[in-house]
Amino acid sequence: MRTLGLPIDIDPGKALLDEIHWTAGHVAWLREKVQELPDEEMVWGKTLHRAGVGPEGPVDVSDHKAAPNVWYELYMKERDHLAKVCALALKAGIEERKVKLAESQGALVAEAIRRILAALNLTPAQQAMVPEIVPQQLRLLAGGV
């Protein structure tokens, strides 16, 4: 039996960040759809099409009207949702928590490197190379220059 969804045990901060990522993807996809529209279809288009056989015989009728295209309306609603979830994340201090987490992870890595270097009993010449080599390798690992 299909259901809309089953409960998932998740951290609220992670759930909020996941929602931001999904919503940003939706906005980008909808933006592409809107950009593909011919200019005249942004505010004018078919709203209803009836085709087939009715009581009076064959029917093939379309109604047109001036109104924002449905793709544009969806795009604008999703943009609004993205702004709201981003504001919630900022209010909840998500970015601050990410920075603190990165700092604590950095401290753990630095401590591990210190212990490894101490256990290796490096020569004075090798110890002199540590301040250049270790930061260089960490920057490469982080995707920096």
N, C-alpha and C. Protein backbone atom coordinates (compact mmCIF):
# COMPACT_ATOMS: atom_id res chain seq x y z
N MET A 1 0.84 -1.17 0.00
CA MET A 1 0.00 0.00 0.00
C MET A 1 0.89 1.24 0.00
N ARG A 2 0.62 2.16 -0.88
CA ARG A 2 1.41 3.39 -0.95
C ARG A 2 0.90 4.40 0.06
N THR A 3 1.82 5.15 0.59
CA THR A 3 1.47 6.23 1.50
C THR A 3 2.22 7.46 1.06
N LEU A 4 1.80 8.60 1.58
CA LEU A 4 2.49 9.84 1.25
C LEU A 4 3.91 9.81 1.79
N GLY A 5 4.09 9.22 2.93
CA GLY A 5 5.42 9.14 3.51
C GLY A 5 5.35 8.54 4.89
N LEU A 6 6.41 7.90 5.28
CA LEU A 6 6.49 7.31 6.61
C LEU A 6 7.40 8.18 7.46
N PRO A 7 7.23 8.14 8.77
CA PRO A 7 8.07 8.97 9.64
C PRO A 7 9.54 8.61 9.50
N ILE A 8 10.37 9.62 9.57
CA ILE A 8 11.82 9.44 9.51
C ILE A 8 12.42 10.17 10.70
N ASP A 9 13.30 9.49 11.41
CA ASP A 9 14.00 10.12 12.53
C ASP A 9 15.09 11.03 11.96
N ILE A 10 14.96 12.34 12.15
CA ILE A 10 15.91 13.28 11.55
C ILE A 10 16.12 14.47 12.49
N ASP A 11 17.31 14.98 12.49
CA ASP A 11 17.64 16.19 13.23
C ASP A 11 16.94 17.38 12.56
N PRO A 12 16.26 18.22 13.31
CA PRO A 12 15.56 19.36 12.71
C PRO A 12 16.47 20.26 11.87
N GLY A 13 17.69 20.47 12.32
CA GLY A 13 18.62 21.29 11.55
C GLY A 13 18.95 20.66 10.21
N LYS A 14 19.16 19.35 10.21
CA LYS A 14 19.43 18.65 8.95
C LYS A 14 18.21 18.69 8.05
N ALA A 15 17.04 18.52 8.63
CA ALA A 15 15.80 18.57 7.83
C ALA A 15 15.65 19.93 7.16
N LEU A 16 15.96 20.98 7.91
CA LEU A 16 15.85 22.33 7.35
C LEU A 16 16.86 22.55 6.23
N LEU A 17 18.09 22.09 6.42
CA LEU A 17 19.09 22.21 5.36
C LEU A 17 18.72 21.37 4.14
N ASP A 18 18.19 20.16 4.38
CA ASP A 18 17.74 19.33 3.26
C ASP A 18 16.64 20.05 2.47
N GLU A 19 15.72 20.67 3.18
CA GLU A 19 14.62 21.39 2.52
C GLU A 19 15.16 22.56 1.68
N ILE A 20 16.16 23.24 2.21
CA ILE A 20 16.78 24.34 1.46
C ILE A 20 17.40 23.80 0.17
N HIS A 21 18.14 22.70 0.27
CA HIS A 21 18.80 22.14 -0.90
C HIS A 21 17.79 21.67 -1.95
N TRP A 22 16.75 20.95 -1.51
CA TRP A 22 15.72 20.49 -2.44
C TRP A 22 15.03 21.69 -3.09
N THR A 23 14.66 22.65 -2.28
CA THR A 23 13.94 23.81 -2.80
C THR A 23 14.79 24.61 -3.78
N ALA A 24 16.07 24.75 -3.49
CA ALA A 24 16.96 25.45 -4.43
C ALA A 24 17.00 24.70 -5.76
N GLY A 25 17.00 23.39 -5.71
CA GLY A 25 16.95 22.59 -6.94
C GLY A 25 15.66 22.79 -7.69
N HIS A 26 14.55 22.84 -6.96
CA HIS A 26 13.25 23.08 -7.60
C HIS A 26 13.23 24.44 -8.27
N VAL A 27 13.73 25.45 -7.58
CA VAL A 27 13.76 26.81 -8.14
C VAL A 27 14.59 26.83 -9.43
N ALA A 28 15.74 26.20 -9.42
CA ALA A 28 16.59 26.19 -10.62
C ALA A 28 15.89 25.49 -11.78
N TRP A 29 15.22 24.37 -11.50
CA TRP A 29 14.52 23.63 -12.55
C TRP A 29 13.35 24.45 -13.10
N LEU A 30 12.59 25.05 -12.21
CA LEU A 30 11.45 25.87 -12.65
C LEU A 30 11.93 27.10 -13.42
N ARG A 31 13.06 27.68 -13.01
CA ARG A 31 13.62 28.83 -13.74
C ARG A 31 13.91 28.45 -15.19
N GLU A 32 14.47 27.25 -15.39
CA GLU A 32 14.74 26.77 -16.75
C GLU A 32 13.44 26.66 -17.54
N LYS A 33 12.40 26.12 -16.91
CA LYS A 33 11.10 25.99 -17.59
C LYS A 33 10.57 27.35 -18.00
N VAL A 34 10.66 28.32 -17.11
CA VAL A 34 10.16 29.67 -17.40
C VAL A 34 11.00 30.29 -18.52
N GLN A 35 12.30 30.10 -18.49
CA GLN A 35 13.16 30.69 -19.52
C GLN A 35 12.93 30.07 -20.90
N GLU A 36 12.40 28.85 -20.93
CA GLU A 36 12.09 28.20 -22.20
C GLU A 36 10.81 28.73 -22.84
N LEU A 37 9.97 29.42 -22.06
CA LEU A 37 8.69 29.89 -22.58
C LEU A 37 8.88 31.02 -23.59
N PRO A 38 8.15 30.99 -24.69
CA PRO A 38 8.15 32.15 -25.57
C PRO A 38 7.56 33.35 -24.82
N ASP A 39 8.03 34.54 -25.12
CA ASP A 39 7.59 35.74 -24.40
C ASP A 39 6.07 35.85 -24.33
N GLU A 40 5.40 35.57 -25.45
CA GLU A 40 3.95 35.74 -25.47
C GLU A 40 3.22 34.76 -24.55
N GLU A 41 3.86 33.65 -24.20
CA GLU A 41 3.21 32.68 -23.32
C GLU A 41 3.40 33.00 -21.84
N MET A 42 4.17 34.02 -21.52
CA MET A 42 4.34 34.39 -20.11
C MET A 42 3.03 34.92 -19.52
N VAL A 43 2.24 35.61 -20.33
CA VAL A 43 1.01 36.21 -19.80
C VAL A 43 -0.21 35.90 -20.66
N TRP A 44 -0.10 35.06 -21.66
CA TRP A 44 -1.23 34.74 -22.51
C TRP A 44 -1.10 33.30 -22.93
N GLY A 45 -2.19 32.54 -22.77
CA GLY A 45 -2.09 31.16 -23.20
C GLY A 45 -3.39 30.41 -23.07
N LYS A 46 -3.32 29.15 -23.48
CA LYS A 46 -4.48 28.27 -23.45
C LYS A 46 -4.77 27.90 -22.00
N THR A 47 -6.02 28.07 -21.59
CA THR A 47 -6.40 27.71 -20.24
C THR A 47 -7.26 26.46 -20.20
N LEU A 48 -7.90 26.14 -21.33
CA LEU A 48 -8.78 24.97 -21.36
C LEU A 48 -8.90 24.49 -22.80
N HIS A 49 -8.87 23.19 -22.99
CA HIS A 49 -9.06 22.61 -24.32
C HIS A 49 -10.06 21.48 -24.20
N ARG A 50 -11.09 21.57 -25.01
CA ARG A 50 -12.10 20.51 -25.04
C ARG A 50 -12.07 19.88 -26.43
N ALA A 51 -11.89 18.57 -26.45
CA ALA A 51 -11.88 17.86 -27.72
C ALA A 51 -12.63 16.55 -27.56
N GLY A 52 -13.24 16.12 -28.62
CA GLY A 52 -13.98 14.86 -28.59
C GLY A 52 -15.33 15.03 -29.25
N VAL A 53 -16.28 14.24 -28.79
CA VAL A 53 -17.63 14.30 -29.33
C VAL A 53 -18.58 14.66 -28.20
N GLY A 54 -19.31 15.75 -28.41
CA GLY A 54 -20.30 16.18 -27.43
C GLY A 54 -21.70 15.95 -27.96
N PRO A 55 -22.71 16.42 -27.21
CA PRO A 55 -24.10 16.23 -27.64
C PRO A 55 -24.39 16.88 -29.00
N GLU A 56 -23.60 17.89 -29.35
CA GLU A 56 -23.83 18.59 -30.62
C GLU A 56 -22.87 18.13 -31.71
N GLY A 57 -22.13 17.08 -31.47
CA GLY A 57 -21.21 16.57 -32.47
C GLY A 57 -19.76 16.77 -32.04
N PRO A 58 -18.83 16.74 -33.02
CA PRO A 58 -17.41 16.89 -32.71
C PRO A 58 -17.11 18.23 -32.04
N VAL A 59 -16.22 18.18 -31.04
CA VAL A 59 -15.84 19.39 -30.31
C VAL A 59 -14.32 19.51 -30.35
N ASP A 60 -13.82 20.69 -30.67
CA ASP A 60 -12.39 20.99 -30.62
C ASP A 60 -12.27 22.48 -30.35
N VAL A 61 -12.36 22.85 -29.08
CA VAL A 61 -12.41 24.25 -28.68
C VAL A 61 -11.35 24.52 -27.62
N SER A 62 -10.67 25.65 -27.75
CA SER A 62 -9.69 26.07 -26.75
C SER A 62 -10.07 27.44 -26.23
N ASP A 63 -9.90 27.63 -24.94
CA ASP A 63 -10.09 28.94 -24.33
C ASP A 63 -8.72 29.53 -24.04
N HIS A 64 -8.56 30.80 -24.31
CA HIS A 64 -7.32 31.51 -24.04
C HIS A 64 -7.63 32.70 -23.15
N LYS A 65 -6.67 33.08 -22.33
CA LYS A 65 -6.85 34.29 -21.53
C LYS A 65 -5.49 34.84 -21.12
N ALA A 66 -5.51 36.08 -20.68
CA ALA A 66 -4.31 36.72 -20.17
C ALA A 66 -4.19 36.39 -18.69
N ALA A 67 -3.09 35.73 -18.32
CA ALA A 67 -2.82 35.38 -16.93
C ALA A 67 -1.38 34.89 -16.88
N PRO A 68 -0.73 35.00 -15.74
CA PRO A 68 0.63 34.48 -15.65
C PRO A 68 0.64 32.98 -15.95
N ASN A 69 1.65 32.55 -16.68
CA ASN A 69 1.81 31.15 -17.02
C ASN A 69 1.96 30.32 -15.74
N VAL A 70 1.42 29.10 -15.76
CA VAL A 70 1.47 28.25 -14.58
C VAL A 70 2.91 27.94 -14.17
N TRP A 71 3.83 27.80 -15.14
CA TRP A 71 5.23 27.57 -14.80
C TRP A 71 5.80 28.75 -14.02
N TYR A 72 5.42 29.96 -14.46
CA TYR A 72 5.89 31.16 -13.77
C TYR A 72 5.32 31.23 -12.35
N GLU A 73 4.03 30.90 -12.21
CA GLU A 73 3.41 30.92 -10.88
C GLU A 73 4.08 29.91 -9.95
N LEU A 74 4.36 28.70 -10.46
CA LEU A 74 5.05 27.69 -9.64
C LEU A 74 6.45 28.16 -9.26
N TYR A 75 7.14 28.77 -10.22
CA TYR A 75 8.48 29.31 -9.98
C TYR A 75 8.47 30.34 -8.86
N MET A 76 7.52 31.28 -8.93
CA MET A 76 7.43 32.33 -7.92
C MET A 76 7.08 31.76 -6.54
N LYS A 77 6.18 30.78 -6.49
CA LYS A 77 5.83 30.16 -5.20
C LYS A 77 7.03 29.43 -4.60
N GLU A 78 7.79 28.74 -5.45
CA GLU A 78 8.95 28.01 -4.95
C GLU A 78 10.05 28.96 -4.49
N ARG A 79 10.21 30.09 -5.19
CA ARG A 79 11.18 31.10 -4.77
C ARG A 79 10.80 31.65 -3.39
N ASP A 80 9.51 31.90 -3.21
CA ASP A 80 9.03 32.40 -1.92
C ASP A 80 9.30 31.37 -0.83
N HIS A 81 9.06 30.10 -1.13
CA HIS A 81 9.32 29.03 -0.16
C HIS A 81 10.81 28.96 0.19
N LEU A 82 11.67 29.10 -0.83
CA LEU A 82 13.11 29.08 -0.59
C LEU A 82 13.52 30.22 0.34
N ALA A 83 13.00 31.41 0.10
CA ALA A 83 13.32 32.55 0.97
C ALA A 83 12.87 32.28 2.41
N LYS A 84 11.70 31.67 2.57
CA LYS A 84 11.18 31.38 3.91
C LYS A 84 12.04 30.36 4.65
N VAL A 85 12.41 29.26 3.96
CA VAL A 85 13.20 28.25 4.66
C VAL A 85 14.61 28.75 4.94
N CYS A 86 15.14 29.61 4.07
CA CYS A 86 16.46 30.21 4.35
C CYS A 86 16.38 31.12 5.56
N ALA A 87 15.31 31.91 5.65
CA ALA A 87 15.13 32.79 6.81
C ALA A 87 14.99 31.96 8.09
N LEU A 88 14.27 30.85 8.01
CA LEU A 88 14.14 29.97 9.19
C LEU A 88 15.50 29.41 9.61
N ALA A 89 16.31 29.01 8.62
CA ALA A 89 17.62 28.47 8.93
C ALA A 89 18.51 29.52 9.58
N LEU A 90 18.47 30.74 9.07
CA LEU A 90 19.26 31.81 9.67
C LEU A 90 18.79 32.10 11.08
N LYS A 91 17.48 32.14 11.26
CA LYS A 91 16.90 32.40 12.59
C LYS A 91 17.29 31.29 13.57
N ALA A 92 17.35 30.06 13.07
CA ALA A 92 17.70 28.93 13.93
C ALA A 92 19.21 28.83 14.18
N GLY A 93 20.00 29.67 13.51
CA GLY A 93 21.44 29.66 13.72
C GLY A 93 22.14 28.50 13.05
N ILE A 94 21.57 27.99 11.97
CA ILE A 94 22.15 26.83 11.29
C ILE A 94 23.56 27.14 10.80
N GLU A 95 23.76 28.29 10.17
CA GLU A 95 25.10 28.62 9.66
C GLU A 95 26.11 28.71 10.79
N GLU A 96 25.70 29.32 11.90
CA GLU A 96 26.60 29.43 13.05
C GLU A 96 26.98 28.03 13.56
N ARG A 97 25.99 27.13 13.58
CA ARG A 97 26.26 25.76 14.02
C ARG A 97 27.21 25.05 13.07
N LYS A 98 27.05 25.30 11.76
CA LYS A 98 27.94 24.68 10.77
C LYS A 98 29.37 25.18 10.97
N VAL A 99 29.52 26.47 11.26
CA VAL A 99 30.85 27.03 11.49
C VAL A 99 31.48 26.40 12.73
N LYS A 100 30.71 26.31 13.82
CA LYS A 100 31.23 25.71 15.05
C LYS A 100 31.61 24.25 14.83
N LEU A 101 30.80 23.53 14.07
CA LEU A 101 31.10 22.13 13.78
C LEU A 101 32.39 22.03 12.97
N ALA A 102 32.54 22.88 11.96
CA ALA A 102 33.77 22.87 11.15
C ALA A 102 34.99 23.21 12.00
N GLU A 103 34.82 24.17 12.91
CA GLU A 103 35.93 24.53 13.79
C GLU A 103 36.33 23.37 14.69
N SER A 104 35.33 22.69 15.24
CA SER A 104 35.66 21.57 16.14
C SER A 104 36.28 20.41 15.35
N GLN A 105 35.80 20.18 14.13
CA GLN A 105 36.41 19.14 13.30
C GLN A 105 37.85 19.51 12.95
N GLY A 106 38.08 20.79 12.67
CA GLY A 106 39.43 21.26 12.37
C GLY A 106 40.36 21.07 13.55
N ALA A 107 39.86 21.33 14.75
CA ALA A 107 40.67 21.15 15.95
C ALA A 107 41.01 19.67 16.15
N LEU A 108 40.06 18.79 15.87
CA LEU A 108 40.32 17.35 16.00
C LEU A 108 41.38 16.89 14.99
N VAL A 109 41.30 17.39 13.77
CA VAL A 109 42.28 17.02 12.74
C VAL A 109 43.66 17.54 13.14
N ALA A 110 43.72 18.78 13.61
CA ALA A 110 45.01 19.36 14.01
C ALA A 110 45.63 18.55 15.15
N GLU A 111 44.82 18.15 16.12
CA GLU A 111 45.33 17.36 17.25
C GLU A 111 45.82 16.00 16.76
N ALA A 112 45.10 15.38 15.84
CA ALA A 112 45.52 14.09 15.29
C ALA A 112 46.85 14.23 14.56
N ILE A 113 47.01 15.29 13.79
CA ILE A 113 48.27 15.51 13.06
C ILE A 113 49.42 15.72 14.05
N ARG A 114 49.18 16.50 15.12
CA ARG A 114 50.24 16.72 16.14
C ARG A 114 50.67 15.39 16.76
N ARG A 115 49.70 14.54 17.08
CA ARG A 115 50.02 13.25 17.69
C ARG A 115 50.79 12.34 16.72
N ILE A 116 50.37 12.35 15.47
CA ILE A 116 51.06 11.52 14.47
C ILE A 116 52.51 11.98 14.31
N LEU A 117 52.71 13.29 14.19
CA LEU A 117 54.06 13.82 14.01
C LEU A 117 54.93 13.55 15.24
N ALA A 118 54.33 13.66 16.42
CA ALA A 118 55.10 13.38 17.64
C ALA A 118 55.51 11.91 17.70
N ALA A 119 54.61 11.02 17.27
CA ALA A 119 54.90 9.58 17.33
C ALA A 119 55.94 9.15 16.29
N LEU A 120 56.14 9.95 15.26
CA LEU A 120 57.08 9.58 14.20
C LEU A 120 58.54 9.87 14.56
N ASN A 121 58.78 10.64 15.63
CA ASN A 121 60.15 10.98 16.04
C ASN A 121 60.95 11.54 14.85
N LEU A 122 60.44 12.59 14.27
CA LEU A 122 61.07 13.19 13.08
C LEU A 122 62.42 13.81 13.42
N THR A 123 63.28 13.83 12.44
CA THR A 123 64.58 14.50 12.59
C THR A 123 64.33 16.01 12.60
N PRO A 124 65.28 16.81 13.08
CA PRO A 124 65.10 18.26 13.05
C PRO A 124 64.84 18.79 11.63
N ALA A 125 65.46 18.20 10.62
CA ALA A 125 65.24 18.65 9.24
C ALA A 125 63.81 18.34 8.80
N GLN A 126 63.32 17.18 9.19
CA GLN A 126 61.93 16.82 8.83
C GLN A 126 60.94 17.70 9.59
N GLN A 127 61.22 17.98 10.86
CA GLN A 127 60.35 18.85 11.65
C GLN A 127 60.28 20.25 11.04
N ALA A 128 61.37 20.71 10.46
CA ALA A 128 61.41 22.04 9.85
C ALA A 128 60.50 22.10 8.62
N MET A 129 60.25 20.97 7.96
CA MET A 129 59.40 20.94 6.77
C MET A 129 57.91 20.86 7.11
N VAL A 130 57.56 20.49 8.34
CA VAL A 130 56.16 20.30 8.75
C VAL A 130 55.30 21.56 8.53
N PRO A 131 55.75 22.76 8.95
CA PRO A 131 54.89 23.95 8.78
C PRO A 131 54.57 24.29 7.32
N GLU A 132 55.38 23.79 6.40
CA GLU A 132 55.11 24.04 4.98
C GLU A 132 54.27 22.91 4.37
N ILE A 133 54.64 21.68 4.64
CA ILE A 133 54.01 20.54 3.98
C ILE A 133 52.59 20.26 4.51
N VAL A 134 52.40 20.26 5.81
CA VAL A 134 51.09 19.92 6.38
C VAL A 134 50.00 20.90 5.92
N PRO A 135 50.19 22.23 6.08
CA PRO A 135 49.14 23.15 5.61
C PRO A 135 48.89 23.04 4.10
N GLN A 136 49.96 22.81 3.34
CA GLN A 136 49.81 22.67 1.89
C GLN A 136 48.92 21.47 1.57
N GLN A 137 49.14 20.36 2.22
CA GLN A 137 48.34 19.16 1.97
C GLN A 137 46.90 19.32 2.46
N LEU A 138 46.72 20.02 3.57
CA LEU A 138 45.35 20.25 4.07
C LEU A 138 44.56 21.15 3.12
N ARG A 139 45.25 22.17 2.55
CA ARG A 139 44.57 23.04 1.56
C ARG A 139 44.17 22.24 0.33
N LEU A 140 45.05 21.34 -0.12
CA LEU A 140 44.70 20.49 -1.27
C LEU A 140 43.50 19.61 -0.96
N LEU A 141 43.48 19.07 0.24
CA LEU A 141 42.38 18.23 0.67
C LEU A 141 41.06 19.01 0.69
N ALA A 142 41.14 20.28 1.11
CA ALA A 142 39.94 21.12 1.19
C ALA A 142 39.55 21.72 -0.16
N GLY A 143 40.35 21.44 -1.20
CA GLY A 143 40.02 21.97 -2.52
C GLY A 143 40.57 23.35 -2.78
N GLY A 144 41.47 23.81 -1.94
CA GLY A 144 42.06 25.13 -2.12
C GLY A 144 43.33 25.06 -2.94
N VAL A 145 44.03 26.18 -2.97
CA VAL A 145 45.27 26.27 -3.77
C VAL A 145 46.46 25.94 -2.91
